[in-house]
Amino acid sequence: MEQKRTAALIHSSKKVEISSSPPGTSKKTMVLNHIVLSAILATALATPLAQPLGEPATGHTLEKRITHYGIATFYEQNGAAGSCGQVHAESDSIIALSPSWQGGGYPPRYCGRKIEITNDGGGQNNNGQGKVVVATVADTCPGCDENHLDLSHGAFLALTGGALDPPGQFNIEWHFCNVNGQC
């Protein structure tokens, strides 16, 4: 004779029995269901996400204080919208990131994200070593490698002390600011 687990509830002086299995379910079926469900749960918990949310496809991390080292160059916007879809003045502090960060979708992955950039020297007539600027990602630089930032005139001039020709590039360190813009 098969036994079912039951629980008793007392409600308004009435005794109600609740069975933990549907009527007619054998103990063997219950055990098999339990094993299958346990295996599915264990597999789901042990399987990492294919790509953690908020990280580029290349596996870069976006932790606020991970410092990247590279070069900065400048580009002409000529009144055209960047890959993020907005037109900016040459004097705005904006950045074009490499495709390894931006990805291939639209809009690019880091549009609107702020980055803090420090001038590490190099180049000619670079009077801005140590200067820091916070600029906003507004475009993609197809010819840039992952740590090369292409800057608007405004961001470049702020970092070089007013010169566009040190000769057109210098060394930088940079990091992403928090999603809320705090650097």
N, C-alpha and C. Protein backbone atom coordinates (compact mmCIF):
# COMPACT_ATOMS: atom_id res chain seq x y z
N MET A 1 0.84 -1.18 0.00
CA MET A 1 0.00 0.00 0.00
C MET A 1 0.88 1.24 0.00
N GLU A 2 0.53 2.20 -0.86
CA GLU A 2 1.33 3.40 -1.03
C GLU A 2 0.93 4.45 0.00
N GLN A 3 1.95 5.15 0.50
CA GLN A 3 1.68 6.21 1.46
C GLN A 3 1.97 7.55 0.81
N LYS A 4 1.14 8.53 1.07
CA LYS A 4 1.36 9.88 0.57
C LYS A 4 1.66 10.78 1.76
N ARG A 5 2.60 11.74 1.50
CA ARG A 5 2.86 12.73 2.53
C ARG A 5 1.74 13.74 2.52
N THR A 6 1.25 14.08 3.67
CA THR A 6 0.18 15.08 3.73
C THR A 6 0.50 16.08 4.82
N ALA A 7 -0.10 17.22 4.69
CA ALA A 7 0.02 18.25 5.72
C ALA A 7 -1.39 18.64 6.12
N ALA A 8 -1.54 18.95 7.35
CA ALA A 8 -2.86 19.33 7.84
C ALA A 8 -2.87 20.82 8.12
N LEU A 9 -3.90 21.48 7.67
CA LEU A 9 -4.10 22.89 7.94
C LEU A 9 -5.37 23.04 8.76
N ILE A 10 -5.32 23.88 9.73
CA ILE A 10 -6.51 24.17 10.51
C ILE A 10 -6.94 25.58 10.14
N HIS A 11 -8.11 25.70 9.56
CA HIS A 11 -8.61 26.98 9.17
C HIS A 11 -10.10 27.03 9.49
N SER A 12 -10.48 28.01 10.27
CA SER A 12 -11.87 28.18 10.68
C SER A 12 -12.45 26.87 11.21
N SER A 13 -11.70 26.20 12.05
CA SER A 13 -12.14 24.96 12.68
C SER A 13 -12.34 23.83 11.68
N LYS A 14 -11.79 23.94 10.48
CA LYS A 14 -11.91 22.88 9.50
C LYS A 14 -10.53 22.29 9.25
N LYS A 15 -10.45 21.02 9.13
CA LYS A 15 -9.21 20.34 8.83
C LYS A 15 -9.18 20.07 7.33
N VAL A 16 -8.10 20.58 6.66
CA VAL A 16 -7.96 20.40 5.22
C VAL A 16 -6.66 19.65 4.98
N GLU A 17 -6.71 18.60 4.19
CA GLU A 17 -5.49 17.86 3.88
C GLU A 17 -4.98 18.30 2.51
N ILE A 18 -3.65 18.54 2.46
CA ILE A 18 -3.01 18.91 1.21
C ILE A 18 -1.97 17.84 0.91
N SER A 19 -2.07 17.26 -0.24
CA SER A 19 -1.15 16.20 -0.64
C SER A 19 0.02 16.82 -1.38
N SER A 20 1.22 16.30 -1.18
CA SER A 20 2.39 16.82 -1.87
C SER A 20 2.54 16.24 -3.26
N SER A 21 1.67 15.35 -3.66
CA SER A 21 1.71 14.79 -5.01
C SER A 21 0.29 14.62 -5.51
N PRO A 22 0.12 14.72 -6.84
CA PRO A 22 -1.22 14.56 -7.39
C PRO A 22 -1.75 13.15 -7.12
N PRO A 23 -3.07 12.99 -7.07
CA PRO A 23 -3.62 11.67 -6.84
C PRO A 23 -3.17 10.69 -7.94
N GLY A 24 -2.84 9.51 -7.56
CA GLY A 24 -2.43 8.47 -8.50
C GLY A 24 -0.95 8.50 -8.87
N THR A 25 -0.16 9.41 -8.26
CA THR A 25 1.27 9.48 -8.56
C THR A 25 2.00 8.46 -7.70
N SER A 26 2.80 7.64 -8.36
CA SER A 26 3.54 6.62 -7.61
C SER A 26 4.78 7.22 -6.97
N LYS A 27 5.29 6.55 -5.98
CA LYS A 27 6.49 7.00 -5.29
C LYS A 27 7.67 7.01 -6.27
N LYS A 28 7.73 6.03 -7.16
CA LYS A 28 8.80 5.94 -8.14
C LYS A 28 8.78 7.17 -9.06
N THR A 29 7.59 7.59 -9.50
CA THR A 29 7.46 8.77 -10.36
C THR A 29 7.89 10.02 -9.61
N MET A 30 7.51 10.13 -8.35
CA MET A 30 7.90 11.28 -7.54
C MET A 30 9.41 11.36 -7.40
N VAL A 31 10.07 10.24 -7.17
CA VAL A 31 11.53 10.21 -7.02
C VAL A 31 12.19 10.60 -8.34
N LEU A 32 11.70 10.07 -9.45
CA LEU A 32 12.27 10.42 -10.75
C LEU A 32 12.09 11.90 -11.05
N ASN A 33 10.90 12.45 -10.76
CA ASN A 33 10.67 13.88 -10.96
C ASN A 33 11.63 14.71 -10.13
N HIS A 34 11.82 14.29 -8.90
CA HIS A 34 12.74 15.00 -8.00
C HIS A 34 14.16 14.97 -8.56
N ILE A 35 14.61 13.84 -9.06
CA ILE A 35 15.96 13.70 -9.61
C ILE A 35 16.12 14.58 -10.85
N VAL A 36 15.13 14.54 -11.75
CA VAL A 36 15.21 15.34 -12.98
C VAL A 36 15.24 16.82 -12.65
N LEU A 37 14.35 17.27 -11.78
CA LEU A 37 14.32 18.68 -11.41
C LEU A 37 15.61 19.11 -10.72
N SER A 38 16.15 18.26 -9.88
CA SER A 38 17.42 18.56 -9.21
C SER A 38 18.55 18.69 -10.22
N ALA A 39 18.58 17.82 -11.22
CA ALA A 39 19.62 17.87 -12.25
C ALA A 39 19.51 19.15 -13.08
N ILE A 40 18.29 19.53 -13.44
CA ILE A 40 18.08 20.75 -14.22
C ILE A 40 18.54 21.97 -13.42
N LEU A 41 18.16 22.03 -12.16
CA LEU A 41 18.54 23.14 -11.31
C LEU A 41 20.05 23.20 -11.13
N ALA A 42 20.69 22.07 -10.89
CA ALA A 42 22.14 22.04 -10.70
C ALA A 42 22.85 22.49 -11.97
N THR A 43 22.37 22.08 -13.12
CA THR A 43 22.98 22.48 -14.40
C THR A 43 22.82 23.98 -14.61
N ALA A 44 21.64 24.51 -14.34
CA ALA A 44 21.39 25.94 -14.53
C ALA A 44 22.27 26.78 -13.61
N LEU A 45 22.44 26.36 -12.38
CA LEU A 45 23.25 27.12 -11.43
C LEU A 45 24.73 27.01 -11.74
N ALA A 46 25.17 25.91 -12.31
CA ALA A 46 26.59 25.71 -12.60
C ALA A 46 27.01 26.29 -13.93
N THR A 47 26.07 26.63 -14.80
CA THR A 47 26.41 27.14 -16.13
C THR A 47 26.56 28.65 -16.07
N PRO A 48 27.78 29.17 -16.41
CA PRO A 48 27.96 30.62 -16.39
C PRO A 48 27.22 31.25 -17.57
N LEU A 49 26.91 32.53 -17.44
CA LEU A 49 26.31 33.25 -18.55
C LEU A 49 27.32 33.31 -19.68
N ALA A 50 26.85 33.29 -20.91
CA ALA A 50 27.75 33.35 -22.06
C ALA A 50 28.59 34.62 -22.03
N GLN A 51 28.00 35.71 -21.61
CA GLN A 51 28.70 36.98 -21.50
C GLN A 51 28.04 37.77 -20.39
N PRO A 52 28.79 38.13 -19.34
CA PRO A 52 28.17 38.90 -18.27
C PRO A 52 27.60 40.21 -18.82
N LEU A 53 26.50 40.65 -18.26
CA LEU A 53 25.87 41.89 -18.71
C LEU A 53 26.80 43.06 -18.46
N GLY A 54 26.80 43.99 -19.38
CA GLY A 54 27.59 45.19 -19.20
C GLY A 54 29.03 45.06 -19.64
N GLU A 55 29.43 43.94 -20.25
CA GLU A 55 30.79 43.78 -20.72
C GLU A 55 30.80 43.64 -22.22
N PRO A 56 31.82 44.21 -22.87
CA PRO A 56 31.91 44.07 -24.31
C PRO A 56 32.17 42.63 -24.72
N ALA A 57 31.92 42.32 -25.96
CA ALA A 57 32.08 40.98 -26.48
C ALA A 57 33.51 40.48 -26.38
N THR A 58 34.48 41.38 -26.32
CA THR A 58 35.88 40.96 -26.28
C THR A 58 36.32 40.56 -24.87
N GLY A 59 35.46 40.68 -23.89
CA GLY A 59 35.79 40.27 -22.53
C GLY A 59 36.37 41.39 -21.68
N HIS A 60 36.40 42.63 -22.19
CA HIS A 60 36.87 43.75 -21.40
C HIS A 60 35.96 43.92 -20.20
N THR A 61 36.50 44.44 -19.13
CA THR A 61 35.64 44.74 -18.00
C THR A 61 35.44 46.24 -17.91
N LEU A 62 34.37 46.63 -17.29
CA LEU A 62 34.04 48.04 -17.18
C LEU A 62 34.17 48.58 -15.77
N GLU A 63 34.90 47.88 -14.95
CA GLU A 63 35.05 48.38 -13.59
C GLU A 63 35.64 49.78 -13.66
N LYS A 64 35.12 50.64 -12.82
CA LYS A 64 35.43 52.06 -12.88
C LYS A 64 36.93 52.35 -12.86
N ARG A 65 37.67 51.71 -12.06
CA ARG A 65 39.07 52.07 -11.89
C ARG A 65 40.07 51.17 -12.59
N ILE A 66 39.64 50.37 -13.53
CA ILE A 66 40.61 49.64 -14.34
C ILE A 66 41.19 50.64 -15.33
N THR A 67 42.48 50.85 -15.24
CA THR A 67 43.13 51.85 -16.08
C THR A 67 43.65 51.20 -17.36
N HIS A 68 43.36 51.84 -18.47
CA HIS A 68 43.82 51.39 -19.78
C HIS A 68 44.87 52.39 -20.26
N TYR A 69 45.88 51.90 -20.96
CA TYR A 69 46.95 52.75 -21.47
C TYR A 69 46.93 52.68 -22.99
N GLY A 70 47.02 53.84 -23.64
CA GLY A 70 46.98 53.86 -25.09
C GLY A 70 47.41 55.20 -25.63
N ILE A 71 46.85 55.56 -26.79
CA ILE A 71 47.15 56.84 -27.40
C ILE A 71 45.86 57.58 -27.70
N ALA A 72 46.00 58.90 -27.80
CA ALA A 72 44.88 59.74 -28.19
C ALA A 72 45.24 60.43 -29.50
N THR A 73 44.27 60.50 -30.39
CA THR A 73 44.37 61.27 -31.62
C THR A 73 43.13 62.14 -31.68
N PHE A 74 43.04 63.00 -32.69
CA PHE A 74 41.82 63.79 -32.84
C PHE A 74 41.26 63.58 -34.23
N TYR A 75 39.98 63.86 -34.36
CA TYR A 75 39.33 63.71 -35.66
C TYR A 75 38.40 64.88 -35.92
N GLU A 76 38.08 65.06 -37.19
CA GLU A 76 37.19 66.12 -37.64
C GLU A 76 35.78 65.54 -37.74
N GLN A 77 34.82 66.22 -37.13
CA GLN A 77 33.43 65.75 -37.21
C GLN A 77 32.71 66.34 -38.41
N ASN A 78 33.12 67.51 -38.84
CA ASN A 78 32.56 68.18 -40.03
C ASN A 78 31.03 68.27 -40.02
N GLY A 79 30.45 68.45 -38.85
CA GLY A 79 29.00 68.61 -38.75
C GLY A 79 28.19 67.35 -38.98
N ALA A 80 28.84 66.21 -39.08
CA ALA A 80 28.14 64.94 -39.31
C ALA A 80 27.81 64.26 -37.97
N ALA A 81 26.75 63.49 -37.99
CA ALA A 81 26.40 62.71 -36.79
C ALA A 81 27.40 61.57 -36.63
N GLY A 82 27.78 61.28 -35.39
CA GLY A 82 28.64 60.15 -35.12
C GLY A 82 27.83 58.86 -35.15
N SER A 83 28.48 57.74 -34.89
CA SER A 83 27.79 56.45 -34.94
C SER A 83 26.71 56.32 -33.87
N CYS A 84 26.75 57.19 -32.87
CA CYS A 84 25.70 57.18 -31.84
C CYS A 84 24.48 57.99 -32.26
N GLY A 85 24.56 58.64 -33.45
CA GLY A 85 23.39 59.29 -34.01
C GLY A 85 23.22 60.76 -33.70
N GLN A 86 24.20 61.39 -33.05
CA GLN A 86 24.05 62.79 -32.69
C GLN A 86 25.13 63.64 -33.33
N VAL A 87 24.78 64.87 -33.64
CA VAL A 87 25.75 65.84 -34.16
C VAL A 87 26.29 66.62 -32.97
N HIS A 88 27.61 66.81 -32.94
CA HIS A 88 28.25 67.56 -31.86
C HIS A 88 29.12 68.66 -32.45
N ALA A 89 29.32 69.71 -31.69
CA ALA A 89 30.24 70.77 -32.09
C ALA A 89 31.67 70.26 -31.94
N GLU A 90 32.59 70.82 -32.71
CA GLU A 90 34.00 70.43 -32.61
C GLU A 90 34.53 70.71 -31.20
N SER A 91 33.95 71.70 -30.52
CA SER A 91 34.41 72.07 -29.18
C SER A 91 33.89 71.15 -28.07
N ASP A 92 32.91 70.29 -28.37
CA ASP A 92 32.39 69.36 -27.36
C ASP A 92 33.47 68.34 -27.00
N SER A 93 33.44 67.87 -25.77
CA SER A 93 34.39 66.84 -25.33
C SER A 93 33.77 65.47 -25.56
N ILE A 94 34.04 64.93 -26.75
CA ILE A 94 33.50 63.61 -27.09
C ILE A 94 34.63 62.68 -27.55
N ILE A 95 34.31 61.40 -27.58
CA ILE A 95 35.28 60.35 -27.90
C ILE A 95 34.68 59.40 -28.92
N ALA A 96 35.54 58.91 -29.81
CA ALA A 96 35.20 57.78 -30.67
C ALA A 96 35.98 56.58 -30.14
N LEU A 97 35.26 55.53 -29.74
CA LEU A 97 35.88 54.30 -29.22
C LEU A 97 36.10 53.31 -30.35
N SER A 98 37.00 52.37 -30.13
CA SER A 98 37.27 51.35 -31.14
C SER A 98 36.10 50.37 -31.26
N PRO A 99 36.01 49.69 -32.41
CA PRO A 99 34.95 48.70 -32.60
C PRO A 99 35.03 47.55 -31.58
N SER A 100 36.22 47.28 -31.04
CA SER A 100 36.31 46.20 -30.05
C SER A 100 35.53 46.54 -28.79
N TRP A 101 35.35 47.82 -28.50
CA TRP A 101 34.52 48.25 -27.37
C TRP A 101 33.08 48.47 -27.82
N GLN A 102 32.89 49.11 -28.94
CA GLN A 102 31.55 49.52 -29.38
C GLN A 102 30.70 48.37 -29.90
N GLY A 103 31.33 47.30 -30.40
CA GLY A 103 30.55 46.20 -30.96
C GLY A 103 30.00 46.56 -32.33
N GLY A 104 29.16 45.70 -32.86
CA GLY A 104 28.66 45.91 -34.22
C GLY A 104 27.21 46.31 -34.31
N GLY A 105 26.51 46.42 -33.20
CA GLY A 105 25.08 46.75 -33.23
C GLY A 105 24.82 48.24 -33.27
N TYR A 106 23.55 48.58 -33.42
CA TYR A 106 23.15 49.98 -33.35
C TYR A 106 22.11 50.15 -32.26
N PRO A 107 22.21 51.11 -31.40
CA PRO A 107 23.35 52.01 -31.31
C PRO A 107 24.56 51.27 -30.73
N PRO A 108 25.76 51.77 -31.00
CA PRO A 108 26.95 51.14 -30.42
C PRO A 108 26.84 51.05 -28.90
N ARG A 109 27.49 50.07 -28.35
CA ARG A 109 27.34 49.66 -26.96
C ARG A 109 27.56 50.76 -25.92
N TYR A 110 28.53 51.64 -26.10
CA TYR A 110 28.88 52.59 -25.04
C TYR A 110 28.51 54.04 -25.34
N CYS A 111 27.58 54.26 -26.24
CA CYS A 111 27.11 55.62 -26.53
C CYS A 111 26.64 56.29 -25.24
N GLY A 112 27.13 57.51 -25.02
CA GLY A 112 26.73 58.28 -23.84
C GLY A 112 27.55 57.98 -22.60
N ARG A 113 28.38 56.98 -22.63
CA ARG A 113 29.19 56.62 -21.46
C ARG A 113 30.34 57.62 -21.30
N LYS A 114 30.64 58.01 -20.09
CA LYS A 114 31.72 58.96 -19.81
C LYS A 114 33.02 58.21 -19.53
N ILE A 115 34.12 58.83 -19.97
CA ILE A 115 35.46 58.27 -19.78
C ILE A 115 36.35 59.39 -19.26
N GLU A 116 37.16 59.07 -18.25
CA GLU A 116 38.14 60.02 -17.74
C GLU A 116 39.48 59.71 -18.39
N ILE A 117 40.09 60.73 -18.99
CA ILE A 117 41.33 60.56 -19.75
C ILE A 117 42.40 61.46 -19.13
N THR A 118 43.62 60.90 -18.98
CA THR A 118 44.76 61.65 -18.47
C THR A 118 45.86 61.68 -19.52
N ASN A 119 46.42 62.85 -19.78
CA ASN A 119 47.53 63.02 -20.72
C ASN A 119 48.80 62.50 -20.04
N ASP A 120 49.41 61.46 -20.62
CA ASP A 120 50.64 60.88 -20.07
C ASP A 120 51.90 61.37 -20.78
N GLY A 121 51.76 62.35 -21.64
CA GLY A 121 52.93 62.93 -22.31
C GLY A 121 53.17 62.32 -23.68
N GLY A 122 54.30 62.71 -24.26
CA GLY A 122 54.64 62.27 -25.61
C GLY A 122 54.15 63.27 -26.62
N GLY A 123 54.64 63.14 -27.84
CA GLY A 123 54.28 64.08 -28.89
C GLY A 123 55.09 65.36 -28.79
N GLN A 124 54.91 66.24 -29.74
CA GLN A 124 55.62 67.53 -29.75
C GLN A 124 54.65 68.63 -29.36
N ASN A 125 55.17 69.64 -28.73
CA ASN A 125 54.36 70.79 -28.29
C ASN A 125 53.20 70.36 -27.39
N ASN A 126 53.40 69.30 -26.66
CA ASN A 126 52.36 68.80 -25.75
C ASN A 126 52.58 69.44 -24.39
N ASN A 127 51.84 70.48 -24.12
CA ASN A 127 51.98 71.22 -22.86
C ASN A 127 50.94 70.78 -21.83
N GLY A 128 50.37 69.61 -22.03
CA GLY A 128 49.28 69.20 -21.16
C GLY A 128 49.53 67.97 -20.33
N GLN A 129 50.78 67.51 -20.24
CA GLN A 129 51.03 66.29 -19.47
C GLN A 129 50.46 66.43 -18.06
N GLY A 130 49.66 65.44 -17.65
CA GLY A 130 49.01 65.46 -16.35
C GLY A 130 47.60 66.02 -16.38
N LYS A 131 47.24 66.69 -17.46
CA LYS A 131 45.87 67.25 -17.56
C LYS A 131 44.87 66.09 -17.67
N VAL A 132 43.68 66.33 -17.13
CA VAL A 132 42.61 65.32 -17.11
C VAL A 132 41.35 65.93 -17.70
N VAL A 133 40.63 65.15 -18.47
CA VAL A 133 39.34 65.58 -19.01
C VAL A 133 38.37 64.40 -18.94
N VAL A 134 37.10 64.73 -18.75
CA VAL A 134 36.05 63.71 -18.83
C VAL A 134 35.30 64.00 -20.13
N ALA A 135 35.21 62.97 -20.98
CA ALA A 135 34.55 63.12 -22.28
C ALA A 135 33.50 62.03 -22.43
N THR A 136 32.59 62.23 -23.35
CA THR A 136 31.47 61.32 -23.56
C THR A 136 31.64 60.55 -24.86
N VAL A 137 31.37 59.25 -24.83
CA VAL A 137 31.45 58.42 -26.03
C VAL A 137 30.29 58.80 -26.95
N ALA A 138 30.63 59.18 -28.19
CA ALA A 138 29.61 59.62 -29.14
C ALA A 138 29.83 59.05 -30.54
N ASP A 139 30.89 58.24 -30.72
CA ASP A 139 31.21 57.78 -32.07
C ASP A 139 32.06 56.51 -31.97
N THR A 140 32.30 55.89 -33.14
CA THR A 140 33.15 54.71 -33.25
C THR A 140 34.31 55.06 -34.17
N CYS A 141 35.50 54.64 -33.81
CA CYS A 141 36.70 54.87 -34.61
C CYS A 141 37.11 53.56 -35.27
N PRO A 142 36.75 53.35 -36.53
CA PRO A 142 37.03 52.07 -37.19
C PRO A 142 38.51 51.70 -37.25
N GLY A 143 39.40 52.71 -37.30
CA GLY A 143 40.83 52.42 -37.42
C GLY A 143 41.57 52.35 -36.09
N CYS A 144 40.86 52.46 -34.98
CA CYS A 144 41.51 52.47 -33.67
C CYS A 144 41.60 51.07 -33.08
N ASP A 145 42.72 50.78 -32.41
CA ASP A 145 42.78 49.53 -31.65
C ASP A 145 42.08 49.75 -30.31
N GLU A 146 42.01 48.73 -29.47
CA GLU A 146 41.14 48.81 -28.30
C GLU A 146 41.46 49.91 -27.29
N ASN A 147 42.71 50.36 -27.18
CA ASN A 147 43.04 51.39 -26.19
C ASN A 147 43.39 52.74 -26.82
N HIS A 148 43.07 52.89 -28.09
CA HIS A 148 43.28 54.13 -28.83
C HIS A 148 41.96 54.89 -28.80
N LEU A 149 41.99 56.11 -28.28
CA LEU A 149 40.80 56.96 -28.26
C LEU A 149 40.96 58.07 -29.28
N ASP A 150 39.97 58.24 -30.14
CA ASP A 150 39.95 59.33 -31.10
C ASP A 150 39.08 60.42 -30.49
N LEU A 151 39.66 61.60 -30.29
CA LEU A 151 39.00 62.66 -29.54
C LEU A 151 38.53 63.80 -30.45
N SER A 152 37.48 64.46 -30.01
CA SER A 152 37.05 65.69 -30.68
C SER A 152 38.11 66.76 -30.43
N HIS A 153 38.03 67.85 -31.19
CA HIS A 153 38.96 68.96 -30.96
C HIS A 153 38.88 69.45 -29.52
N GLY A 154 37.66 69.57 -28.99
CA GLY A 154 37.49 70.08 -27.63
C GLY A 154 38.22 69.25 -26.59
N ALA A 155 38.08 67.93 -26.65
CA ALA A 155 38.75 67.05 -25.69
C ALA A 155 40.26 67.06 -25.91
N PHE A 156 40.68 67.02 -27.16
CA PHE A 156 42.12 66.99 -27.47
C PHE A 156 42.80 68.27 -27.00
N LEU A 157 42.20 69.42 -27.31
CA LEU A 157 42.78 70.71 -26.91
C LEU A 157 42.84 70.85 -25.39
N ALA A 158 41.82 70.37 -24.69
CA ALA A 158 41.81 70.44 -23.23
C ALA A 158 42.95 69.61 -22.62
N LEU A 159 43.28 68.51 -23.27
CA LEU A 159 44.34 67.63 -22.75
C LEU A 159 45.75 68.07 -23.14
N THR A 160 45.90 68.84 -24.22
CA THR A 160 47.24 69.22 -24.68
C THR A 160 47.62 70.64 -24.33
N GLY A 161 46.77 71.34 -23.64
CA GLY A 161 47.08 72.73 -23.31
C GLY A 161 46.86 73.66 -24.49
N GLY A 162 46.02 73.26 -25.45
CA GLY A 162 45.64 74.13 -26.54
C GLY A 162 46.31 73.83 -27.87
N ALA A 163 47.07 72.74 -28.01
CA ALA A 163 47.73 72.43 -29.27
C ALA A 163 47.10 71.21 -29.93
N LEU A 164 46.82 71.34 -31.25
CA LEU A 164 46.32 70.18 -31.99
C LEU A 164 47.46 69.39 -32.63
N ASP A 165 48.70 69.84 -32.46
CA ASP A 165 49.80 69.16 -33.14
C ASP A 165 50.92 68.75 -32.20
N PRO A 166 50.71 67.71 -31.39
CA PRO A 166 51.85 67.20 -30.60
C PRO A 166 52.30 65.82 -31.07
N PRO A 167 52.59 65.48 -32.30
CA PRO A 167 52.03 65.83 -33.62
C PRO A 167 50.79 65.03 -33.91
N GLY A 168 49.72 65.38 -33.29
CA GLY A 168 48.45 64.73 -33.57
C GLY A 168 48.16 63.53 -32.71
N GLN A 169 49.09 63.14 -31.84
CA GLN A 169 48.81 62.05 -30.90
C GLN A 169 49.72 62.16 -29.68
N PHE A 170 49.27 61.58 -28.59
CA PHE A 170 50.07 61.54 -27.37
C PHE A 170 49.61 60.35 -26.54
N ASN A 171 50.36 60.02 -25.52
CA ASN A 171 50.07 58.88 -24.65
C ASN A 171 49.00 59.24 -23.63
N ILE A 172 48.14 58.29 -23.34
CA ILE A 172 47.07 58.52 -22.37
C ILE A 172 46.90 57.32 -21.46
N GLU A 173 46.27 57.58 -20.33
CA GLU A 173 45.66 56.52 -19.53
C GLU A 173 44.21 56.92 -19.37
N TRP A 174 43.33 55.92 -19.33
CA TRP A 174 41.90 56.23 -19.27
C TRP A 174 41.14 55.12 -18.58
N HIS A 175 39.97 55.49 -18.08
CA HIS A 175 39.06 54.51 -17.49
C HIS A 175 37.61 54.98 -17.66
N PHE A 176 36.72 53.99 -17.66
CA PHE A 176 35.29 54.31 -17.71
C PHE A 176 34.84 54.88 -16.38
N CYS A 177 33.95 55.84 -16.44
CA CYS A 177 33.30 56.36 -15.23
C CYS A 177 32.12 55.44 -14.90
N ASN A 178 31.54 55.59 -13.73
CA ASN A 178 30.36 54.82 -13.38
C ASN A 178 29.25 55.10 -14.39
N VAL A 179 28.28 54.20 -14.46
CA VAL A 179 27.15 54.37 -15.38
C VAL A 179 26.44 55.69 -15.13
N ASN A 180 26.41 56.15 -13.87
CA ASN A 180 25.74 57.41 -13.56
C ASN A 180 26.62 58.63 -13.86
N GLY A 181 27.82 58.42 -14.42
CA GLY A 181 28.68 59.51 -14.82
C GLY A 181 29.72 59.94 -13.81
N GLN A 182 29.69 59.37 -12.61
CA GLN A 182 30.68 59.73 -11.60
C GLN A 182 32.03 59.08 -11.93
N CYS A 183 33.07 59.93 -11.92
CA CYS A 183 34.41 59.43 -12.20
C CYS A 183 35.22 59.41 -10.93
